[in-house]
Amino acid sequence: MTNQALDELLTLLALEPLDEGLYRGQSTDLGFGAVFGGQVMGQALAAAKYTLEPDRPVHSFHSYFLRPGDVNKPIIYDVETIRDGKTTSTRRVQALQHGKPIFYMTASFQQPVAGFEHQAPMPKIAGPEEIAPESERIKALAQYLPTSVRDKWLSSKPIEMRQVNYVNPMQPEKVEPVNYIWLKANGCLPDDPRIHKYLLAYASDFNFLPTALMPHGRSFWDRELQVATIDHSMWFHQDFRFDDWLLFAIESPRAIAGRGLVQGRFYTQDGTLVATAMQEGIIRPRGASAEL
């Protein structure tokens, strides 16, 4: 069974067709002051699916965040058909608000074929049943949350997350830039594998870029910092169910010039690598004279 928050997210990804290649989506305010990047990625993939046959699932996308999205206005998704080959299709998706692009995505869709196979091994870490839910940890920090976001962050969530190597965001420590998070949809999902991939794209933006702050003892909650995604890419290796637990294994190999780079792998509980993601974003003090 699904919960209300998950139902609302699924509805958010079911866009309204306006014309051939044009679709309209609404937004949910998560308290970030702008549209959540994962929402735009999920909706852009959902828009592209309207122009494709079901036997061509997405295998990769590359995207850029150009402007903050306005949570109070709908987003128009303009899908351009670049190419339809024998086994591969390419689409370009532009997200528009106030007459300007806020996001670009190029996505590739491939009919699976037989070929070579290998994968990186899954890290050996504690399973999700051994880790406290993120909802419990947020409740413990409720008194420190700004009143503008407290109700949103304490309410039921569509995605359940459990952070293995948890660091208190109110008292961050300098630790290795490696983060392990178990995550899954908070309820049962339809059997359409496309929906599972769009939801994983949505969820992949949570806790990703903040991993680049871990070796500096800083937190995403630090109001003195500007933390924002520049670009995000994903590769989907095979179908999976996102209403089963997936491990998001993240590391940050580099931070420089006010930017941080993170990369992550998604594994099923039996150790199968089903998706990979990379992201670069701004991580810098809001004031030019602030010290790191």
Protein backbone atom coordinates (compact mmCIF):
# COMPACT_ATOMS: atom_id res chain seq x y z
CA MET A 1 0.00 0.00 0.00
CA THR A 2 1.12 3.56 -0.61
CA ASN A 3 1.02 6.45 1.81
CA GLN A 4 -0.40 9.87 1.08
CA ALA A 5 3.01 11.51 0.61
CA LEU A 6 4.03 8.88 -1.95
CA ASP A 7 0.70 9.19 -3.77
CA GLU A 8 1.23 12.95 -3.98
CA LEU A 9 4.72 12.46 -5.41
CA LEU A 10 3.45 10.03 -8.03
CA THR A 11 0.78 12.56 -8.99
CA LEU A 12 3.47 15.24 -9.20
CA LEU A 13 5.29 13.14 -11.82
CA ALA A 14 2.14 12.56 -13.88
CA LEU A 15 2.39 15.68 -16.03
CA GLU A 16 -0.42 17.42 -17.88
CA PRO A 17 -0.03 17.18 -21.70
CA LEU A 18 -0.53 20.58 -23.34
CA ASP A 19 0.47 19.89 -26.95
CA GLU A 20 2.84 17.64 -28.85
CA GLY A 21 6.11 17.74 -26.90
CA LEU A 22 4.77 20.20 -24.30
CA TYR A 23 3.82 19.22 -20.72
CA ARG A 24 3.02 21.08 -17.51
CA GLY A 25 4.07 20.09 -14.02
CA GLN A 26 3.33 21.46 -10.56
CA SER A 27 5.71 21.76 -7.59
CA THR A 28 5.88 20.86 -3.93
CA ASP A 29 7.65 23.19 -1.52
CA LEU A 30 10.14 21.15 0.54
CA GLY A 31 11.36 24.20 2.43
CA PHE A 32 14.50 24.84 0.35
CA GLY A 33 13.30 28.23 -0.92
CA ALA A 34 13.21 26.95 -4.51
CA VAL A 35 12.03 23.92 -6.46
CA PHE A 36 13.83 20.74 -5.34
CA GLY A 37 16.23 19.63 -8.08
CA GLY A 38 15.17 15.98 -7.85
CA GLN A 39 11.61 16.98 -8.67
CA VAL A 40 12.69 18.68 -11.91
CA MET A 41 14.79 15.68 -12.96
CA GLY A 42 11.95 13.26 -12.27
CA GLN A 43 9.43 15.39 -14.12
CA ALA A 44 11.76 15.89 -17.10
CA LEU A 45 12.16 12.12 -17.48
CA ALA A 46 8.40 11.69 -17.11
CA ALA A 47 7.86 14.28 -19.87
CA ALA A 48 10.23 12.45 -22.22
CA LYS A 49 8.40 9.14 -21.71
CA TYR A 50 5.32 10.53 -23.48
CA THR A 51 7.34 10.64 -26.72
CA LEU A 52 8.75 7.08 -26.48
CA GLU A 53 7.67 3.47 -26.81
CA PRO A 54 7.63 1.55 -23.49
CA ASP A 55 10.32 -0.89 -24.71
CA ARG A 56 12.93 1.92 -24.72
CA PRO A 57 13.76 2.60 -21.07
CA VAL A 58 16.07 5.43 -20.04
CA HIS A 59 19.67 4.35 -19.58
CA SER A 60 21.29 7.74 -18.97
CA PHE A 61 20.70 11.46 -18.63
CA HIS A 62 22.87 14.54 -18.26
CA SER A 63 21.36 17.72 -16.86
CA TYR A 64 22.19 21.30 -15.87
CA PHE A 65 20.40 23.50 -13.36
CA LEU A 66 20.36 27.03 -14.78
CA ARG A 67 18.09 29.06 -12.46
CA PRO A 68 16.25 28.44 -9.18
CA GLY A 69 12.72 27.21 -9.79
CA ASP A 70 9.69 29.07 -8.41
CA VAL A 71 7.65 26.67 -6.24
CA ASN A 72 4.54 28.84 -6.70
CA LYS A 73 4.43 28.59 -10.50
CA PRO A 74 3.94 25.60 -12.82
CA ILE A 75 6.87 24.35 -14.89
CA ILE A 76 6.57 23.82 -18.64
CA TYR A 77 8.58 20.91 -20.09
CA ASP A 78 9.48 21.17 -23.77
CA VAL A 79 10.61 17.79 -25.18
CA GLU A 80 12.59 17.75 -28.44
CA THR A 81 13.05 14.49 -30.36
CA ILE A 82 16.72 14.46 -31.38
CA ARG A 83 16.90 10.95 -32.85
CA ASP A 84 15.13 7.59 -32.95
CA GLY A 85 17.51 4.84 -34.09
CA LYS A 86 17.06 1.07 -34.33
CA THR A 87 17.74 0.50 -30.62
CA THR A 88 18.46 3.96 -29.15
CA SER A 89 16.49 7.21 -28.85
CA THR A 90 17.68 10.64 -27.70
CA ARG A 91 15.57 13.42 -26.24
CA ARG A 92 16.36 16.95 -25.08
CA VAL A 93 14.12 18.41 -22.38
CA GLN A 94 13.93 22.09 -21.44
CA ALA A 95 12.14 23.19 -18.27
CA LEU A 96 10.70 26.72 -18.47
CA GLN A 97 9.34 29.25 -15.99
CA HIS A 98 8.59 32.93 -16.53
CA GLY A 99 9.64 32.50 -20.18
CA LYS A 100 13.20 31.41 -19.26
CA PRO A 101 14.90 28.00 -19.04
CA ILE A 102 15.61 26.84 -15.49
CA PHE A 103 16.91 23.36 -16.45
CA TYR A 104 18.21 21.37 -19.43
CA MET A 105 18.42 17.61 -19.82
CA THR A 106 19.68 15.34 -22.57
CA ALA A 107 18.51 11.74 -22.07
CA SER A 108 19.21 8.52 -23.93
CA PHE A 109 16.84 5.54 -24.11
CA GLN A 110 17.90 2.09 -25.24
CA GLN A 111 16.24 -1.19 -26.02
CA PRO A 112 18.39 -3.66 -23.97
CA VAL A 113 20.66 -6.03 -25.91
CA ALA A 114 23.02 -8.84 -24.87
CA GLY A 115 26.65 -7.92 -24.13
CA PHE A 116 29.54 -8.10 -21.67
CA GLU A 117 28.81 -7.75 -17.95
CA HIS A 118 30.81 -6.80 -14.85
CA GLN A 119 30.24 -4.53 -11.84
CA ALA A 120 31.98 -2.93 -8.86
CA PRO A 121 31.35 -4.81 -5.60
CA MET A 122 28.89 -3.53 -3.01
CA PRO A 123 30.44 -2.07 0.19
CA LYS A 124 30.11 -4.25 3.28
CA ILE A 125 28.00 -2.19 5.66
CA ALA A 126 25.08 -2.59 8.07
CA GLY A 127 21.69 -3.38 6.54
CA PRO A 128 18.68 -1.00 6.68
CA GLU A 129 16.99 -2.92 9.50
CA GLU A 130 19.96 -2.03 11.76
CA ILE A 131 19.80 1.74 11.07
CA ALA A 132 17.52 4.35 12.66
CA PRO A 133 15.06 5.97 10.21
CA GLU A 134 15.88 9.54 9.19
CA SER A 135 12.42 10.60 10.45
CA GLU A 136 13.46 9.70 14.02
CA ARG A 137 16.65 11.73 13.76
CA ILE A 138 14.78 14.75 12.38
CA LYS A 139 12.30 14.57 15.27
CA ALA A 140 15.23 14.64 17.70
CA LEU A 141 16.41 17.89 16.07
CA ALA A 142 12.94 19.46 15.79
CA GLN A 143 13.69 22.24 18.29
CA TYR A 144 16.55 23.46 16.08
CA LEU A 145 14.59 23.54 12.83
CA PRO A 146 13.45 26.91 11.46
CA THR A 147 9.71 27.35 11.97
CA SER A 148 9.31 27.91 8.21
CA VAL A 149 10.31 24.30 7.44
CA ARG A 150 9.61 22.42 10.68
CA ASP A 151 6.17 21.09 9.73
CA LYS A 152 7.34 20.07 6.24
CA TRP A 153 10.37 18.16 7.53
CA LEU A 154 8.45 16.44 10.33
CA SER A 155 5.59 15.28 8.08
CA SER A 156 5.41 11.87 6.40
CA LYS A 157 7.83 11.55 3.47
CA PRO A 158 7.43 9.73 0.12
CA ILE A 159 11.01 8.37 0.36
CA GLU A 160 12.28 6.58 3.45
CA MET A 161 16.00 7.08 4.14
CA ARG A 162 18.40 5.57 6.68
CA GLN A 163 21.91 7.03 6.90
CA VAL A 164 24.53 4.47 7.97
CA ASN A 165 27.38 6.80 8.99
CA TYR A 166 25.17 9.51 10.46
CA VAL A 167 26.69 12.87 11.42
CA ASN A 168 24.57 15.35 13.39
CA PRO A 169 24.02 18.29 10.98
CA MET A 170 23.82 20.67 13.96
CA GLN A 171 27.23 19.50 15.23
CA PRO A 172 29.13 18.36 12.14
CA GLU A 173 32.54 16.72 12.47
CA LYS A 174 35.42 16.48 10.02
CA VAL A 175 35.07 12.97 8.61
CA GLU A 176 35.95 11.08 5.45
CA PRO A 177 33.82 12.21 2.45
CA VAL A 178 32.02 8.87 2.22
CA ASN A 179 28.31 8.47 2.87
CA TYR A 180 26.08 5.38 2.89
CA ILE A 181 22.30 5.77 2.78
CA TRP A 182 19.60 3.11 2.48
CA LEU A 183 16.51 4.44 0.70
CA LYS A 184 13.24 3.26 -0.81
CA ALA A 185 9.77 4.48 -1.67
CA ASN A 186 7.57 4.70 1.42
CA GLY A 187 4.94 2.29 0.08
CA CYS A 188 4.19 0.02 -2.89
CA LEU A 189 4.78 1.27 -6.44
CA PRO A 190 3.14 0.36 -9.76
CA ASP A 191 4.84 -2.35 -11.83
CA ASP A 192 5.90 0.15 -14.52
CA PRO A 193 9.77 0.14 -14.29
CA ARG A 194 9.89 3.67 -15.72
CA ILE A 195 8.24 5.04 -12.57
CA HIS A 196 10.84 3.35 -10.36
CA LYS A 197 13.62 5.06 -12.34
CA TYR A 198 11.99 8.49 -12.25
CA LEU A 199 11.53 8.19 -8.47
CA LEU A 200 15.17 7.17 -8.03
CA ALA A 201 16.23 10.22 -10.05
CA TYR A 202 14.09 12.30 -7.68
CA ALA A 203 15.63 10.70 -4.59
CA SER A 204 19.22 10.84 -5.88
CA ASP A 205 19.40 14.57 -5.14
CA PHE A 206 18.92 14.05 -1.38
CA ASN A 207 22.13 13.99 0.72
CA PHE A 208 24.30 13.85 -2.42
CA LEU A 209 26.21 17.14 -2.69
CA PRO A 210 26.46 17.60 1.13
CA THR A 211 28.90 14.65 1.15
CA ALA A 212 31.50 17.09 -0.25
CA LEU A 213 31.16 19.14 2.96
CA MET A 214 31.94 16.23 5.31
CA PRO A 215 35.79 16.53 5.39
CA HIS A 216 35.40 20.24 6.21
CA GLY A 217 33.15 19.77 9.23
CA ARG A 218 30.35 21.77 7.64
CA SER A 219 26.68 20.95 7.06
CA PHE A 220 24.03 21.59 4.44
CA TRP A 221 22.08 23.27 7.24
CA ASP A 222 24.85 25.89 7.68
CA ARG A 223 23.23 29.20 6.71
CA GLU A 224 26.64 30.77 6.07
CA LEU A 225 27.16 28.48 3.08
CA GLN A 226 25.73 28.46 -0.42
CA VAL A 227 25.09 24.85 -1.49
CA ALA A 228 23.43 24.35 -4.88
CA THR A 229 23.55 21.78 -7.69
CA ILE A 230 25.15 22.77 -11.00
CA ASP A 231 24.81 19.53 -12.94
CA HIS A 232 23.62 15.97 -12.37
CA SER A 233 24.05 12.82 -14.46
CA MET A 234 22.73 9.29 -14.00
CA TRP A 235 23.18 5.92 -15.68
CA PHE A 236 20.56 3.19 -15.19
CA HIS A 237 22.14 -0.23 -15.67
CA GLN A 238 19.05 -2.42 -15.31
CA ASP A 239 15.50 -2.49 -13.95
CA PHE A 240 14.92 -2.58 -10.20
CA ARG A 241 12.15 -2.04 -7.69
CA PHE A 242 12.36 1.17 -5.69
CA ASP A 243 9.83 -0.10 -3.16
CA ASP A 244 12.66 -2.41 -2.02
CA TRP A 245 15.72 -1.05 -0.22
CA LEU A 246 18.59 0.35 -2.31
CA LEU A 247 21.98 1.37 -0.92
CA PHE A 248 23.21 4.79 -2.09
CA ALA A 249 27.01 4.61 -1.69
CA ILE A 250 28.43 8.13 -2.09
CA GLU A 251 31.94 9.57 -2.12
CA SER A 252 33.39 12.98 -2.92
CA PRO A 253 36.75 12.71 -4.73
CA ARG A 254 37.37 16.47 -5.06
CA ALA A 255 36.35 19.95 -3.96
CA ILE A 256 37.99 23.06 -5.43
CA ALA A 257 37.18 26.57 -6.74
CA GLY A 258 33.94 26.77 -4.78
CA ARG A 259 32.65 23.50 -6.28
CA GLY A 260 32.31 19.98 -4.94
CA LEU A 261 32.14 16.75 -6.97
CA VAL A 262 30.27 13.67 -5.75
CA GLN A 263 29.66 10.24 -7.23
CA GLY A 264 27.27 7.55 -6.07
CA ARG A 265 26.28 3.95 -6.78
CA PHE A 266 22.93 2.30 -6.11
CA TYR A 267 22.89 -1.35 -5.04
CA THR A 268 20.06 -3.75 -4.28
CA GLN A 269 20.29 -5.65 -0.99
CA ASP A 270 21.69 -8.69 -2.82
CA GLY A 271 24.61 -6.57 -4.09
CA THR A 272 23.50 -5.83 -7.67
CA LEU A 273 24.64 -2.45 -9.00
CA VAL A 274 21.56 -0.98 -10.73
CA ALA A 275 22.42 2.72 -11.21
CA THR A 276 25.26 5.25 -10.96
CA ALA A 277 25.12 9.01 -10.48
CA MET A 278 27.49 11.99 -10.49
CA GLN A 279 26.90 15.57 -9.48
CA GLU A 280 28.84 18.80 -9.17
CA GLY A 281 27.62 21.78 -7.21
CA ILE A 282 28.48 25.04 -5.55
CA ILE A 283 29.81 24.76 -1.97
CA ARG A 284 31.14 28.11 -0.80
CA PRO A 285 30.64 30.81 1.83
CA ARG A 286 27.88 33.30 1.08
CA GLY A 287 30.21 36.20 1.94
CA ALA A 288 33.32 36.58 -0.24
CA SER A 289 35.46 37.36 2.80
CA ALA A 290 34.22 34.42 4.87
CA GLU A 291 36.85 31.89 5.93
CA LEU A 292 36.63 28.16 5.22
